[in-house]
Amino acid sequence: MSKWPNSTPWKKGKRRDWEFENGYKIIAFKHPGSKGFEENKWEITILFKDAPNDPPSASMDNILEDYRKYGTGRYGYLHDPDLDRIVKMVTIID
């Protein structure tokens, strides 16, 4: 697993934020009501220039198709390795 940012308390759960030089951000969170909280899994929002965004599919090698989608840039029920995989792919988007 790559180095993760420290978690911060958020909505009676926790949150981690990644910011990348390519303009993307990933916000990962686990709190009551998030998609996967009961199973100790992550929900994420992918942002580009602070707006929810689905990264270009060519850049993601269809990686996001493996996960449950809940809106633009929103995915849930992610294990730690799933989130790590997505973070690695977002870092290399041009």
Protein backbone atom coordinates (compact mmCIF):
# COMPACT_ATOMS: atom_id res chain seq x y z
CA MET A 1 0.00 0.00 0.00
CA SER A 2 1.31 3.46 -0.86
CA LYS A 3 1.73 6.12 1.82
CA TRP A 4 -1.67 7.39 2.84
CA PRO A 5 -2.40 10.83 4.31
CA ASN A 6 -3.39 11.01 7.95
CA SER A 7 -7.08 10.56 8.62
CA THR A 8 -9.15 13.33 10.11
CA PRO A 9 -12.40 12.99 12.08
CA TRP A 10 -15.43 13.57 9.86
CA LYS A 11 -19.18 13.02 10.41
CA LYS A 12 -18.60 10.58 13.30
CA GLY A 13 -16.13 8.66 11.16
CA LYS A 14 -12.90 9.42 9.35
CA ARG A 15 -11.71 10.95 6.12
CA ARG A 16 -8.49 10.98 4.08
CA ASP A 17 -7.69 13.47 1.32
CA TRP A 18 -5.22 13.11 -1.54
CA GLU A 19 -4.31 16.04 -3.82
CA PHE A 20 -2.35 15.50 -7.02
CA GLU A 21 -0.34 17.83 -9.24
CA ASN A 22 -2.57 16.92 -12.22
CA GLY A 23 -5.55 18.76 -10.63
CA TYR A 24 -7.29 15.67 -9.25
CA LYS A 25 -8.24 15.05 -5.64
CA ILE A 26 -9.60 11.96 -3.94
CA ILE A 27 -11.62 12.19 -0.76
CA ALA A 28 -12.08 8.84 0.97
CA PHE A 29 -14.35 8.48 3.95
CA LYS A 30 -16.02 6.04 6.33
CA HIS A 31 -18.89 7.35 8.43
CA PRO A 32 -22.38 6.18 9.39
CA GLY A 33 -24.36 6.45 6.19
CA SER A 34 -21.44 6.15 3.77
CA LYS A 35 -21.49 3.36 1.19
CA GLY A 36 -19.67 0.50 2.90
CA PHE A 37 -19.43 1.84 6.46
CA GLU A 38 -21.11 -1.21 8.00
CA GLU A 39 -18.50 -3.42 6.29
CA ASN A 40 -15.58 -1.11 7.26
CA LYS A 41 -15.11 -0.13 3.61
CA TRP A 42 -14.44 3.23 1.98
CA GLU A 43 -16.60 5.52 -0.09
CA ILE A 44 -14.71 7.95 -2.32
CA THR A 45 -15.31 11.07 -4.34
CA ILE A 46 -12.93 11.88 -7.18
CA LEU A 47 -12.65 15.59 -7.94
CA PHE A 48 -11.03 17.51 -10.77
CA LYS A 49 -10.58 21.22 -10.11
CA ASP A 50 -12.85 20.82 -7.06
CA ALA A 51 -15.81 19.34 -8.98
CA PRO A 52 -16.88 15.67 -8.93
CA ASN A 53 -15.42 14.02 -11.99
CA ASP A 54 -15.01 10.62 -13.59
CA PRO A 55 -11.40 10.37 -14.79
CA PRO A 56 -10.95 9.57 -18.49
CA SER A 57 -11.58 5.85 -18.94
CA ALA A 58 -8.48 5.45 -21.13
CA SER A 59 -6.33 6.68 -18.24
CA MET A 60 -7.91 4.36 -15.72
CA ASP A 61 -7.58 1.14 -17.76
CA ASN A 62 -11.25 0.43 -16.97
CA ILE A 63 -10.28 0.17 -13.30
CA LEU A 64 -13.39 1.97 -12.03
CA GLU A 65 -15.74 -0.48 -13.76
CA ASP A 66 -14.97 -2.95 -10.96
CA TYR A 67 -16.61 -0.78 -8.29
CA ARG A 68 -20.11 0.37 -7.39
CA LYS A 69 -20.82 3.85 -8.72
CA TYR A 70 -23.15 6.30 -6.93
CA GLY A 71 -22.90 9.38 -9.13
CA THR A 72 -20.26 11.36 -10.95
CA GLY A 73 -16.92 10.54 -9.39
CA ARG A 74 -18.52 8.66 -6.46
CA TYR A 75 -17.74 5.02 -5.67
CA GLY A 76 -18.41 2.90 -2.61
CA TYR A 77 -17.66 -0.37 -0.86
CA LEU A 78 -13.89 -0.16 -1.40
CA HIS A 79 -11.35 -2.20 0.55
CA ASP A 80 -7.99 -0.59 1.34
CA PRO A 81 -6.25 -2.29 -1.64
CA ASP A 82 -9.04 -1.07 -3.96
CA LEU A 83 -8.55 2.51 -2.81
CA ASP A 84 -4.79 2.16 -3.10
CA ARG A 85 -5.19 0.92 -6.68
CA ILE A 86 -7.38 3.90 -7.62
CA VAL A 87 -5.01 6.40 -5.97
CA LYS A 88 -2.09 4.99 -7.96
CA MET A 89 -3.99 5.26 -11.24
CA VAL A 90 -5.19 8.84 -10.59
CA THR A 91 -1.62 9.98 -9.93
CA ILE A 92 -0.59 9.14 -13.50
CA ILE A 93 -3.46 10.83 -15.37
CA ASP A 94 -2.12 13.50 -17.72
